Amino acid sequence: MTPIQIANNIKDHLDVSVTLIEEITVTPPGFINFKIAPTYYYQILSEILTNNQFGRGLSGKGKKANVEFVSANPTGPLTVGHGRNAVLGDTVSNILEWHGYDVTREYYFNDAGRQMR
């Protein structure tokens, strides 16, 4: 059997009556594509907006994390790279907190070594 035939065989045995899936298609070289029904999106979006806890986890509960970021040289100019690192460091810190970590943010002034220019 070719990959297309195998994919079509799998597709034929799937239950498409569920409200989650609107359409199932097979495309070369044998991919099975699922189109999610808009009504399901709206239902999930409504739950996300009312619950306000979407994506929250407890994987870091009771654990500590120290996130050090920016590392700007106080004797030189700030660059776009420093700004990017500040945003990334703060974002990583927020994600860790969302998953239960006790996060310490550390803005480190780097005055040694090779600097960004």
PDB file of N, CA and C in Angstrom:
ATOM      1  N   MET A   1       0.836  -1.191   0.000  1.00  0.00           N
ATOM      2  CA  MET A   1       0.000   0.000   0.000  1.00  0.00           C
ATOM      3  C   MET A   1       0.879   1.252   0.000  1.00  0.00           C
ATOM      4  N   THR A   2       0.405   2.255  -0.700  1.00  0.00           N
ATOM      5  CA  THR A   2       1.125   3.528  -0.732  1.00  0.00           C
ATOM      6  C   THR A   2       0.759   4.339   0.521  1.00  0.00           C
ATOM      7  N   PRO A   3       1.564   5.342   0.846  1.00  0.00           N
ATOM      8  CA  PRO A   3       1.221   6.188   1.992  1.00  0.00           C
ATOM      9  C   PRO A   3      -0.147   6.861   1.857  1.00  0.00           C
ATOM     10  N   ILE A   4      -0.522   7.240   0.636  1.00  0.00           N
ATOM     11  CA  ILE A   4      -1.843   7.849   0.413  1.00  0.00           C
ATOM     12  C   ILE A   4      -2.946   6.845   0.728  1.00  0.00           C
ATOM     13  N   GLN A   5      -2.776   5.609   0.285  1.00  0.00           N
ATOM     14  CA  GLN A   5      -3.778   4.574   0.551  1.00  0.00           C
ATOM     15  C   GLN A   5      -3.892   4.290   2.048  1.00  0.00           C
ATOM     16  N   ILE A   6      -2.761   4.235   2.720  1.00  0.00           N
ATOM     17  CA  ILE A   6      -2.768   4.002   4.171  1.00  0.00           C
ATOM     18  C   ILE A   6      -3.484   5.152   4.879  1.00  0.00           C
ATOM     19  N   ALA A   7      -3.167   6.381   4.486  1.00  0.00           N
ATOM     20  CA  ALA A   7      -3.800   7.550   5.102  1.00  0.00           C
ATOM     21  C   ALA A   7      -5.306   7.551   4.857  1.00  0.00           C
ATOM     22  N   ASN A   8      -5.723   7.211   3.642  1.00  0.00           N
ATOM     23  CA  ASN A   8      -7.155   7.146   3.340  1.00  0.00           C
ATOM     24  C   ASN A   8      -7.837   6.046   4.139  1.00  0.00           C
ATOM     25  N   ASN A   9      -7.152   4.932   4.326  1.00  0.00           N
ATOM     26  CA  ASN A   9      -7.691   3.832   5.121  1.00  0.00           C
ATOM     27  C   ASN A   9      -7.894   4.278   6.574  1.00  0.00           C
ATOM     28  N   ILE A  10      -6.911   4.983   7.110  1.00  0.00           N
ATOM     29  CA  ILE A  10      -7.037   5.506   8.478  1.00  0.00           C
ATOM     30  C   ILE A  10      -8.190   6.496   8.549  1.00  0.00           C
ATOM     31  N   LYS A  11      -8.257   7.397   7.571  1.00  0.00           N
ATOM     32  CA  LYS A  11      -9.316   8.412   7.530  1.00  0.00           C
ATOM     33  C   LYS A  11     -10.697   7.765   7.508  1.00  0.00           C
ATOM     34  N   ASP A  12     -10.837   6.691   6.727  1.00  0.00           N
ATOM     35  CA  ASP A  12     -12.130   6.023   6.604  1.00  0.00           C
ATOM     36  C   ASP A  12     -12.583   5.379   7.914  1.00  0.00           C
ATOM     37  N   HIS A  13     -11.645   5.117   8.803  1.00  0.00           N
ATOM     38  CA  HIS A  13     -11.986   4.473  10.076  1.00  0.00           C
ATOM     39  C   HIS A  13     -12.101   5.463  11.243  1.00  0.00           C
ATOM     40  N   LEU A  14     -11.962   6.738  10.963  1.00  0.00           N
ATOM     41  CA  LEU A  14     -12.080   7.750  12.014  1.00  0.00           C
ATOM     42  C   LEU A  14     -13.526   8.197  12.162  1.00  0.00           C
ATOM     43  N   ASP A  15     -13.910   8.509  13.389  1.00  0.00           N
ATOM     44  CA  ASP A  15     -15.263   8.983  13.675  1.00  0.00           C
ATOM     45  C   ASP A  15     -15.310  10.493  13.469  1.00  0.00           C
ATOM     46  N   VAL A  16     -15.979  10.918  12.404  1.00  0.00           N
ATOM     47  CA  VAL A  16     -16.061  12.352  12.103  1.00  0.00           C
ATOM     48  C   VAL A  16     -17.331  12.982  12.671  1.00  0.00           C
ATOM     49  N   SER A  17     -18.085  12.217  13.445  1.00  0.00           N
ATOM     50  CA  SER A  17     -19.323  12.760  14.001  1.00  0.00           C
ATOM     51  C   SER A  17     -19.071  13.630  15.234  1.00  0.00           C
ATOM     52  N   VAL A  18     -17.849  13.614  15.756  1.00  0.00           N
ATOM     53  CA  VAL A  18     -17.555  14.444  16.928  1.00  0.00           C
ATOM     54  C   VAL A  18     -17.578  15.915  16.535  1.00  0.00           C
ATOM     55  N   THR A  19     -17.999  16.761  17.455  1.00  0.00           N
ATOM     56  CA  THR A  19     -18.138  18.185  17.150  1.00  0.00           C
ATOM     57  C   THR A  19     -16.800  18.896  17.053  1.00  0.00           C
ATOM     58  N   LEU A  20     -15.754  18.251  17.493  1.00  0.00           N
ATOM     59  CA  LEU A  20     -14.422  18.849  17.460  1.00  0.00           C
ATOM     60  C   LEU A  20     -13.895  18.999  16.034  1.00  0.00           C
ATOM     61  N   ILE A  21     -14.165  18.013  15.179  1.00  0.00           N
ATOM     62  CA  ILE A  21     -13.583  17.975  13.835  1.00  0.00           C
ATOM     63  C   ILE A  21     -14.627  18.348  12.791  1.00  0.00           C
ATOM     64  N   GLU A  22     -14.258  19.307  11.940  1.00  0.00           N
ATOM     65  CA  GLU A  22     -15.150  19.709  10.854  1.00  0.00           C
ATOM     66  C   GLU A  22     -14.871  18.909   9.586  1.00  0.00           C
ATOM     67  N   GLU A  23     -13.585  18.622   9.338  1.00  0.00           N
ATOM     68  CA  GLU A  23     -13.217  17.959   8.088  1.00  0.00           C
ATOM     69  C   GLU A  23     -11.879  17.239   8.251  1.00  0.00           C
ATOM     70  N   ILE A  24     -11.755  16.095   7.579  1.00  0.00           N
ATOM     71  CA  ILE A  24     -10.493  15.358   7.538  1.00  0.00           C
ATOM     72  C   ILE A  24     -10.121  15.182   6.076  1.00  0.00           C
ATOM     73  N   THR A  25      -8.902  15.576   5.719  1.00  0.00           N
ATOM     74  CA  THR A  25      -8.437  15.425   4.338  1.00  0.00           C
ATOM     75  C   THR A  25      -7.094  14.711   4.327  1.00  0.00           C
ATOM     76  N   VAL A  26      -6.811  14.085   3.208  1.00  0.00           N
ATOM     77  CA  VAL A  26      -5.527  13.415   2.992  1.00  0.00           C
ATOM     78  C   VAL A  26      -4.817  14.132   1.860  1.00  0.00           C
ATOM     79  N   THR A  27      -3.546  14.463   2.082  1.00  0.00           N
ATOM     80  CA  THR A  27      -2.746  15.131   1.059  1.00  0.00           C
ATOM     81  C   THR A  27      -1.423  14.396   0.891  1.00  0.00           C
ATOM     82  N   PRO A  28      -0.855  14.477  -0.318  1.00  0.00           N
ATOM     83  CA  PRO A  28       0.437  13.832  -0.554  1.00  0.00           C
ATOM     84  C   PRO A  28       1.503  14.402   0.368  1.00  0.00           C
ATOM     85  N   PRO A  29       2.420  13.620   0.796  1.00  0.00           N
ATOM     86  CA  PRO A  29       2.688  12.228   0.455  1.00  0.00           C
ATOM     87  C   PRO A  29       1.972  11.225   1.342  1.00  0.00           C
ATOM     88  N   GLY A  30       0.936  11.655   2.080  1.00  0.00           N
ATOM     89  CA  GLY A  30       0.202  10.760   2.958  1.00  0.00           C
ATOM     90  C   GLY A  30      -0.156  11.414   4.282  1.00  0.00           C
ATOM     91  N   PHE A  31      -0.198  12.735   4.284  1.00  0.00           N
ATOM     92  CA  PHE A  31      -0.547  13.460   5.503  1.00  0.00           C
ATOM     93  C   PHE A  31      -2.051  13.395   5.734  1.00  0.00           C
ATOM     94  N   ILE A  32      -2.440  13.290   6.996  1.00  0.00           N
ATOM     95  CA  ILE A  32      -3.847  13.349   7.375  1.00  0.00           C
ATOM     96  C   ILE A  32      -4.048  14.683   8.085  1.00  0.00           C
ATOM     97  N   ASN A  33      -4.899  15.529   7.509  1.00  0.00           N
ATOM     98  CA  ASN A  33      -5.135  16.867   8.051  1.00  0.00           C
ATOM     99  C   ASN A  33      -6.508  16.932   8.702  1.00  0.00           C
ATOM    100  N   PHE A  34      -6.549  17.505   9.894  1.00  0.00           N
ATOM    101  CA  PHE A  34      -7.791  17.671  10.630  1.00  0.00           C
ATOM    102  C   PHE A  34      -8.125  19.157  10.704  1.00  0.00           C
ATOM    103  N   LYS A  35      -9.335  19.514  10.295  1.00  0.00           N
ATOM    104  CA  LYS A  35      -9.791  20.901  10.406  1.00  0.00           C
ATOM    105  C   LYS A  35     -10.724  20.974  11.614  1.00  0.00           C
ATOM    106  N   ILE A  36     -10.323  21.805  12.573  1.00  0.00           N
ATOM    107  CA  ILE A  36     -11.102  21.948  13.796  1.00  0.00           C
ATOM    108  C   ILE A  36     -12.340  22.804  13.519  1.00  0.00           C
ATOM    109  N   ALA A  37     -13.465  22.389  14.065  1.00  0.00           N
ATOM    110  CA  ALA A  37     -14.728  23.100  13.855  1.00  0.00           C
ATOM    111  C   ALA A  37     -14.721  24.445  14.572  1.00  0.00           C
ATOM    112  N   PRO A  38     -15.200  25.515  13.908  1.00  0.00           N
ATOM    113  CA  PRO A  38     -15.246  26.839  14.543  1.00  0.00           C
ATOM    114  C   PRO A  38     -16.041  26.849  15.850  1.00  0.00           C
ATOM    115  N   THR A  39     -17.109  26.064  15.925  1.00  0.00           N
ATOM    116  CA  THR A  39     -17.897  26.032  17.163  1.00  0.00           C
ATOM    117  C   THR A  39     -17.056  25.547  18.339  1.00  0.00           C
ATOM    118  N   TYR A  40     -16.143  24.629  18.074  1.00  0.00           N
ATOM    119  CA  TYR A  40     -15.258  24.144  19.138  1.00  0.00           C
ATOM    120  C   TYR A  40     -14.302  25.255  19.567  1.00  0.00           C
ATOM    121  N   TYR A  41     -13.746  25.984  18.599  1.00  0.00           N
ATOM    122  CA  TYR A  41     -12.872  27.121  18.921  1.00  0.00           C
ATOM    123  C   TYR A  41     -13.600  28.117  19.829  1.00  0.00           C
ATOM    124  N   TYR A  42     -14.840  28.461  19.471  1.00  0.00           N
ATOM    125  CA  TYR A  42     -15.595  29.443  20.247  1.00  0.00           C
ATOM    126  C   TYR A  42     -15.868  28.937  21.660  1.00  0.00           C
ATOM    127  N   GLN A  43     -16.168  27.641  21.769  1.00  0.00           N
ATOM    128  CA  GLN A  43     -16.425  27.051  23.086  1.00  0.00           C
ATOM    129  C   GLN A  43     -15.167  27.118  23.950  1.00  0.00           C
ATOM    130  N   ILE A  44     -14.032  26.726  23.390  1.00  0.00           N
ATOM    131  CA  ILE A  44     -12.774  26.740  24.133  1.00  0.00           C
ATOM    132  C   ILE A  44     -12.368  28.170  24.465  1.00  0.00           C
ATOM    133  N   LEU A  45     -12.516  29.085  23.520  1.00  0.00           N
ATOM    134  CA  LEU A  45     -12.172  30.483  23.767  1.00  0.00           C
ATOM    135  C   LEU A  45     -13.006  31.049  24.910  1.00  0.00           C
ATOM    136  N   SER A  46     -14.276  30.712  24.941  1.00  0.00           N
ATOM    137  CA  SER A  46     -15.145  31.168  26.019  1.00  0.00           C
ATOM    138  C   SER A  46     -14.657  30.638  27.363  1.00  0.00           C
ATOM    139  N   GLU A  47     -14.266  29.366  27.411  1.00  0.00           N
ATOM    140  CA  GLU A  47     -13.742  28.774  28.647  1.00  0.00           C
ATOM    141  C   GLU A  47     -12.443  29.450  29.072  1.00  0.00           C
ATOM    142  N   ILE A  48     -11.575  29.733  28.114  1.00  0.00           N
ATOM    143  CA  ILE A  48     -10.297  30.387  28.417  1.00  0.00           C
ATOM    144  C   ILE A  48     -10.533  31.768  29.017  1.00  0.00           C
ATOM    145  N   LEU A  49     -11.446  32.527  28.412  1.00  0.00           N
ATOM    146  CA  LEU A  49     -11.694  33.893  28.870  1.00  0.00           C
ATOM    147  C   LEU A  49     -12.383  33.942  30.234  1.00  0.00           C
ATOM    148  N   THR A  50     -13.254  32.988  30.524  1.00  0.00           N
ATOM    149  CA  THR A  50     -13.955  33.007  31.810  1.00  0.00           C
ATOM    150  C   THR A  50     -13.120  32.400  32.930  1.00  0.00           C
ATOM    151  N   ASN A  51     -12.290  31.427  32.623  1.00  0.00           N
ATOM    152  CA  ASN A  51     -11.493  30.748  33.649  1.00  0.00           C
ATOM    153  C   ASN A  51     -10.282  31.565  34.075  1.00  0.00           C
ATOM    154  N   ASN A  52      -9.639  32.243  33.150  1.00  0.00           N
ATOM    155  CA  ASN A  52      -8.454  33.069  33.404  1.00  0.00           C
ATOM    156  C   ASN A  52      -7.276  32.278  33.977  1.00  0.00           C
ATOM    157  N   GLN A  53      -7.242  30.978  33.751  1.00  0.00           N
ATOM    158  CA  GLN A  53      -6.149  30.140  34.242  1.00  0.00           C
ATOM    159  C   GLN A  53      -5.546  29.296  33.121  1.00  0.00           C
ATOM    160  N   PHE A  54      -5.834  29.648  31.878  1.00  0.00           N
ATOM    161  CA  PHE A  54      -5.385  28.844  30.746  1.00  0.00           C
ATOM    162  C   PHE A  54      -3.867  28.694  30.742  1.00  0.00           C
ATOM    163  N   GLY A  55      -3.397  27.477  30.663  1.00  0.00           N
ATOM    164  CA  GLY A  55      -1.970  27.201  30.583  1.00  0.00           C
ATOM    165  C   GLY A  55      -1.261  27.145  31.921  1.00  0.00           C
ATOM    166  N   ARG A  56      -1.970  27.388  33.005  1.00  0.00           N
ATOM    167  CA  ARG A  56      -1.339  27.384  34.325  1.00  0.00           C
ATOM    168  C   ARG A  56      -0.996  25.951  34.715  1.00  0.00           C
ATOM    169  N   GLY A  57       0.163  25.803  35.323  1.00  0.00           N
ATOM    170  CA  GLY A  57       0.599  24.487  35.767  1.00  0.00           C
ATOM    171  C   GLY A  57       1.223  24.562  37.139  1.00  0.00           C
ATOM    172  N   LEU A  58       1.471  23.407  37.698  1.00  0.00           N
ATOM    173  CA  LEU A  58       2.076  23.330  39.025  1.00  0.00           C
ATOM    174  C   LEU A  58       3.414  22.608  38.992  1.00  0.00           C
ATOM    175  N   SER A  59       4.013  22.508  37.823  1.00  0.00           N
ATOM    176  CA  SER A  59       5.269  21.758  37.703  1.00  0.00           C
ATOM    177  C   SER A  59       6.396  22.369  38.517  1.00  0.00           C
ATOM    178  N   GLY A  60       6.304  23.656  38.840  1.00  0.00           N
ATOM    179  CA  GLY A  60       7.362  24.302  39.608  1.00  0.00           C
ATOM    180  C   GLY A  60       7.006  24.558  41.056  1.00  0.00           C
ATOM    181  N   LYS A  61       5.885  24.026  41.498  1.00  0.00           N
ATOM    182  CA  LYS A  61       5.432  24.284  42.866  1.00  0.00           C
ATOM    183  C   LYS A  61       6.497  23.845  43.869  1.00  0.00           C
ATOM    184  N   GLY A  62       6.869  24.772  44.750  1.00  0.00           N
ATOM    185  CA  GLY A  62       7.867  24.474  45.769  1.00  0.00           C
ATOM    186  C   GLY A  62       9.301  24.596  45.289  1.00  0.00           C
ATOM    187  N   LYS A  63       9.491  24.961  44.031  1.00  0.00           N
ATOM    188  CA  LYS A  63      10.840  25.094  43.472  1.00  0.00           C
ATOM    189  C   LYS A  63      11.179  26.566  43.287  1.00  0.00           C
ATOM    190  N   LYS A  64      12.466  26.854  43.313  1.00  0.00           N
ATOM    191  CA  LYS A  64      12.933  28.218  43.105  1.00  0.00           C
ATOM    192  C   LYS A  64      13.668  28.315  41.779  1.00  0.00           C
ATOM    193  N   ALA A  65      13.590  29.485  41.170  1.00  0.00           N
ATOM    194  CA  ALA A  65      14.316  29.748  39.924  1.00  0.00           C
ATOM    195  C   ALA A  65      14.889  31.155  39.993  1.00  0.00           C
ATOM    196  N   ASN A  66      16.127  31.296  39.578  1.00  0.00           N
ATOM    197  CA  ASN A  66      16.772  32.601  39.493  1.00  0.00           C
ATOM    198  C   ASN A  66      16.992  32.900  38.016  1.00  0.00           C
ATOM    199  N   VAL A  67      16.375  33.965  37.527  1.00  0.00           N
ATOM    200  CA  VAL A  67      16.519  34.338  36.122  1.00  0.00           C
ATOM    201  C   VAL A  67      17.329  35.628  36.066  1.00  0.00           C
ATOM    202  N   GLU A  68      18.480  35.511  35.457  1.00  0.00           N
ATOM    203  CA  GLU A  68      19.388  36.647  35.312  1.00  0.00           C
ATOM    204  C   GLU A  68      19.319  37.115  33.867  1.00  0.00           C
ATOM    205  N   PHE A  69      19.110  38.406  33.672  1.00  0.00           N
ATOM    206  CA  PHE A  69      19.005  38.881  32.298  1.00  0.00           C
ATOM    207  C   PHE A  69      19.485  40.306  32.137  1.00  0.00           C
ATOM    208  N   VAL A  70      19.606  40.728  30.948  1.00  0.00           N
ATOM    209  CA  VAL A  70      20.074  42.004  30.412  1.00  0.00           C
ATOM    210  C   VAL A  70      21.587  42.055  30.337  1.00  0.00           C
ATOM    211  N   SER A  71      22.301  41.918  31.441  1.00  0.00           N
ATOM    212  CA  SER A  71      23.769  41.944  31.443  1.00  0.00           C
ATOM    213  C   SER A  71      24.322  43.129  30.657  1.00  0.00           C
ATOM    214  N   ALA A  72      23.871  44.304  30.986  1.00  0.00           N
ATOM    215  CA  ALA A  72      24.333  45.509  30.296  1.00  0.00           C
ATOM    216  C   ALA A  72      25.653  45.996  30.886  1.00  0.00           C
ATOM    217  N   ASN A  73      26.513  46.509  30.034  1.00  0.00           N
ATOM    218  CA  ASN A  73      27.779  47.093  30.469  1.00  0.00           C
ATOM    219  C   ASN A  73      27.505  48.537  30.887  1.00  0.00           C
ATOM    220  N   PRO A  74      27.726  48.870  32.160  1.00  0.00           N
ATOM    221  CA  PRO A  74      27.416  50.230  32.604  1.00  0.00           C
ATOM    222  C   PRO A  74      28.329  51.295  32.006  1.00  0.00           C
ATOM    223  N   THR A  75      29.426  50.890  31.390  1.00  0.00           N
ATOM    224  CA  THR A  75      30.336  51.868  30.791  1.00  0.00           C
ATOM    225  C   THR A  75      30.084  52.064  29.305  1.00  0.00           C
ATOM    226  N   GLY A  76      29.135  51.334  28.741  1.00  0.00           N
ATOM    227  CA  GLY A  76      28.860  51.438  27.305  1.00  0.00           C
ATOM    228  C   GLY A  76      27.386  51.687  27.050  1.00  0.00           C
ATOM    229  N   PRO A  77      27.039  51.932  25.796  1.00  0.00           N
ATOM    230  CA  PRO A  77      25.641  52.214  25.457  1.00  0.00           C
ATOM    231  C   PRO A  77      24.789  50.942  25.473  1.00  0.00           C
ATOM    232  N   LEU A  78      23.500  51.114  25.744  1.00  0.00           N
ATOM    233  CA  LEU A  78      22.562  50.004  25.625  1.00  0.00           C
ATOM    234  C   LEU A  78      22.260  49.781  24.148  1.00  0.00           C
ATOM    235  N   THR A  79      22.020  48.540  23.790  1.00  0.00           N
ATOM    236  CA  THR A  79      21.719  48.210  22.399  1.00  0.00           C
ATOM    237  C   THR A  79      20.341  47.578  22.301  1.00  0.00           C
ATOM    238  N   VAL A  80      19.889  47.369  21.084  1.00  0.00           N
ATOM    239  CA  VAL A  80      18.627  46.673  20.858  1.00  0.00           C
ATOM    240  C   VAL A  80      18.701  45.269  21.452  1.00  0.00           C
ATOM    241  N   GLY A  81      19.876  44.651  21.377  1.00  0.00           N
ATOM    242  CA  GLY A  81      20.068  43.318  21.959  1.00  0.00           C
ATOM    243  C   GLY A  81      19.811  43.306  23.454  1.00  0.00           C
ATOM    244  N   HIS A  82      20.225  44.346  24.149  1.00  0.00           N
ATOM    245  CA  HIS A  82      19.961  44.429  25.585  1.00  0.00           C
ATOM    246  C   HIS A  82      18.454  44.517  25.844  1.00  0.00           C
ATOM    247  N   GLY A  83      17.765  45.316  25.041  1.00  0.00           N
ATOM    248  CA  GLY A  83      16.310  45.435  25.176  1.00  0.00           C
ATOM    249  C   GLY A  83      15.617  44.113  24.923  1.00  0.00           C
ATOM    250  N   ARG A  84      16.063  43.415  23.890  1.00  0.00           N
ATOM    251  CA  ARG A  84      15.502  42.099  23.577  1.00  0.00           C
ATOM    252  C   ARG A  84      15.697  41.152  24.745  1.00  0.00           C
ATOM    253  N   ASN A  85      16.906  41.131  25.309  1.00  0.00           N
ATOM    254  CA  ASN A  85      17.191  40.235  26.425  1.00  0.00           C
ATOM    255  C   ASN A  85      16.364  40.583  27.656  1.00  0.00           C
ATOM    256  N   ALA A  86      16.090  41.861  27.870  1.00  0.00           N
ATOM    257  CA  ALA A  86      15.246  42.267  28.994  1.00  0.00           C
ATOM    258  C   ALA A  86      13.834  41.713  28.828  1.00  0.00           C
ATOM    259  N   VAL A  87      13.293  41.822  27.618  1.00  0.00           N
ATOM    260  CA  VAL A  87      11.949  41.307  27.346  1.00  0.00           C
ATOM    261  C   VAL A  87      11.925  39.790  27.495  1.00  0.00           C
ATOM    262  N   LEU A  88      12.913  39.105  26.930  1.00  0.00           N
ATOM    263  CA  LEU A  88      12.958  37.645  27.024  1.00  0.00           C
ATOM    264  C   LEU A  88      13.105  37.181  28.469  1.00  0.00           C
ATOM    265  N   GLY A  89      13.983  37.823  29.223  1.00  0.00           N
ATOM    266  CA  GLY A  89      14.186  37.441  30.619  1.00  0.00           C
ATOM    267  C   GLY A  89      12.932  37.620  31.448  1.00  0.00           C
ATOM    268  N   ASP A  90      12.240  38.729  31.248  1.00  0.00           N
ATOM    269  CA  ASP A  90      11.013  38.973  31.995  1.00  0.00           C
ATOM    270  C   ASP A  90       9.916  37.996  31.582  1.00  0.00           C
ATOM    271  N   THR A  91       9.849  37.677  30.292  1.00  0.00           N
ATOM    272  CA  THR A  91       8.856  36.723  29.803  1.00  0.00           C
ATOM    273  C   THR A  91       9.100  35.334  30.375  1.00  0.00           C
ATOM    274  N   VAL A  92      10.345  34.884  30.365  1.00  0.00           N
ATOM    275  CA  VAL A  92      10.681  33.576  30.944  1.00  0.00           C
ATOM    276  C   VAL A  92      10.314  33.560  32.427  1.00  0.00           C
ATOM    277  N   SER A  93      10.605  34.649  33.126  1.00  0.00           N
ATOM    278  CA  SER A  93      10.262  34.743  34.549  1.00  0.00           C
ATOM    279  C   SER A  93       8.754  34.628  34.763  1.00  0.00           C
ATOM    280  N   ASN A  94       7.977  35.320  33.936  1.00  0.00           N
ATOM    281  CA  ASN A  94       6.513  35.255  34.049  1.00  0.00           C
ATOM    282  C   ASN A  94       5.992  33.848  33.793  1.00  0.00           C
ATOM    283  N   ILE A  95       6.543  33.167  32.797  1.00  0.00           N
ATOM    284  CA  ILE A  95       6.115  31.800  32.491  1.00  0.00           C
ATOM    285  C   ILE A  95       6.437  30.874  33.657  1.00  0.00           C
ATOM    286  N   LEU A  96       7.626  31.010  34.220  1.00  0.00           N
ATOM    287  CA  LEU A  96       7.994  30.181  35.373  1.00  0.00           C
ATOM    288  C   LEU A  96       7.056  30.433  36.554  1.00  0.00           C
ATOM    289  N   GLU A  97       6.744  31.693  36.823  1.00  0.00           N
ATOM    290  CA  GLU A  97       5.812  32.010  37.908  1.00  0.00           C
ATOM    291  C   GLU A  97       4.431  31.422  37.642  1.00  0.00           C
ATOM    292  N   TRP A  98       3.997  31.462  36.393  1.00  0.00           N
ATOM    293  CA  TRP A  98       2.690  30.919  36.006  1.00  0.00           C
ATOM    294  C   TRP A  98       2.625  29.424  36.280  1.00  0.00           C
ATOM    295  N   HIS A  99       3.797  28.777  36.306  1.00  0.00           N
ATOM    296  CA  HIS A  99       3.860  27.340  36.571  1.00  0.00           C
ATOM    297  C   HIS A  99       4.279  27.026  37.999  1.00  0.00           C
ATOM    298  N   GLY A 100       4.182  28.011  38.879  1.00  0.00           N
ATOM    299  CA  GLY A 100       4.351  27.756  40.295  1.00  0.00           C
ATOM    300  C   GLY A 100       5.720  28.017  40.882  1.00  0.00           C
ATOM    301  N   TYR A 101       6.689  28.381  40.078  1.00  0.00           N
ATOM    302  CA  TYR A 101       8.033  28.631  40.598  1.00  0.00           C
ATOM    303  C   TYR A 101       8.066  29.917  41.419  1.00  0.00           C
ATOM    304  N   ASP A 102       8.920  29.927  42.434  1.00  0.00           N
ATOM    305  CA  ASP A 102       9.243  31.140  43.176  1.00  0.00           C
ATOM    306  C   ASP A 102      10.432  31.761  42.446  1.00  0.00           C
ATOM    307  N   VAL A 103      10.183  32.808  41.670  1.00  0.00           N
ATOM    308  CA  VAL A 103      11.192  33.357  40.759  1.00  0.00           C
ATOM    309  C   VAL A 103      11.847  34.602  41.343  1.00  0.00           C
ATOM    310  N   THR A 104      13.167  34.621  41.264  1.00  0.00           N
ATOM    311  CA  THR A 104      13.939  35.812  41.581  1.00  0.00           C
ATOM    312  C   THR A 104      14.486  36.351  40.273  1.00  0.00           C
ATOM    313  N   ARG A 105      14.171  37.615  39.983  1.00  0.00           N
ATOM    314  CA  ARG A 105      14.697  38.262  38.778  1.00  0.00           C
ATOM    315  C   ARG A 105      15.960  39.011  39.155  1.00  0.00           C
ATOM    316  N   GLU A 106      16.995  38.807  38.377  1.00  0.00           N
ATOM    317  CA  GLU A 106      18.262  39.465  38.669  1.00  0.00           C
ATOM    318  C   GLU A 106      18.737  40.236  37.447  1.00  0.00           C
ATOM    319  N   TYR A 107      18.812  41.537  37.601  1.00  0.00           N
ATOM    320  CA  TYR A 107      19.326  42.406  36.547  1.00  0.00           C
ATOM    321  C   TYR A 107      20.815  42.560  36.806  1.00  0.00           C
ATOM    322  N   TYR A 108      21.597  41.948  35.977  1.00  0.00           N
ATOM    323  CA  TYR A 108      23.036  41.864  36.203  1.00  0.00           C
ATOM    324  C   TYR A 108      23.764  42.923  35.389  1.00  0.00           C
ATOM    325  N   PHE A 109      24.573  43.746  36.057  1.00  0.00           N
ATOM    326  CA  PHE A 109      25.417  44.722  35.369  1.00  0.00           C
ATOM    327  C   PHE A 109      26.750  44.063  35.051  1.00  0.00           C
ATOM    328  N   ASN A 110      27.001  43.844  33.803  1.00  0.00           N
ATOM    329  CA  ASN A 110      28.217  43.159  33.379  1.00  0.00           C
ATOM    330  C   ASN A 110      29.269  44.194  33.007  1.00  0.00           C
ATOM    331  N   ASP A 111      30.346  44.221  33.745  1.00  0.00           N
ATOM    332  CA  ASP A 111      31.413  45.177  33.436  1.00  0.00           C
ATOM    333  C   ASP A 111      32.714  44.473  33.086  1.00  0.00           C
ATOM    334  N   ALA A 112      32.624  43.209  32.731  1.00  0.00           N
ATOM    335  CA  ALA A 112      33.835  42.472  32.392  1.00  0.00           C
ATOM    336  C   ALA A 112      33.611  41.700  31.093  1.00  0.00           C
ATOM    337  N   GLY A 113      34.669  41.475  30.386  1.00  0.00           N
ATOM    338  CA  GLY A 113      34.578  40.661  29.184  1.00  0.00           C
ATOM    339  C   GLY A 113      34.184  41.445  27.955  1.00  0.00           C
ATOM    340  N   ARG A 114      34.014  40.724  26.877  1.00  0.00           N
ATOM    341  CA  ARG A 114      33.683  41.314  25.587  1.00  0.00           C
ATOM    342  C   ARG A 114      32.229  41.765  25.576  1.00  0.00           C
ATOM    343  N   GLN A 115      31.976  42.953  25.105  1.00  0.00           N
ATOM    344  CA  GLN A 115      30.641  43.540  25.144  1.00  0.00           C
ATOM    345  C   GLN A 115      30.002  43.583  23.757  1.00  0.00           C
ATOM    346  N   MET A 116      28.673  43.662  23.755  1.00  0.00           N
ATOM    347  CA  MET A 116      27.930  43.816  22.495  1.00  0.00           C
ATOM    348  C   MET A 116      28.096  45.234  21.982  1.00  0.00           C
ATOM    349  N   ARG A 117      28.250  45.404  20.723  1.00  0.00           N
ATOM    350  CA  ARG A 117      28.328  46.743  20.108  1.00  0.00           C
ATOM    351  C   ARG A 117      27.432  46.793  18.897  1.00  0.00           C
TER     352      ARG A 117
END
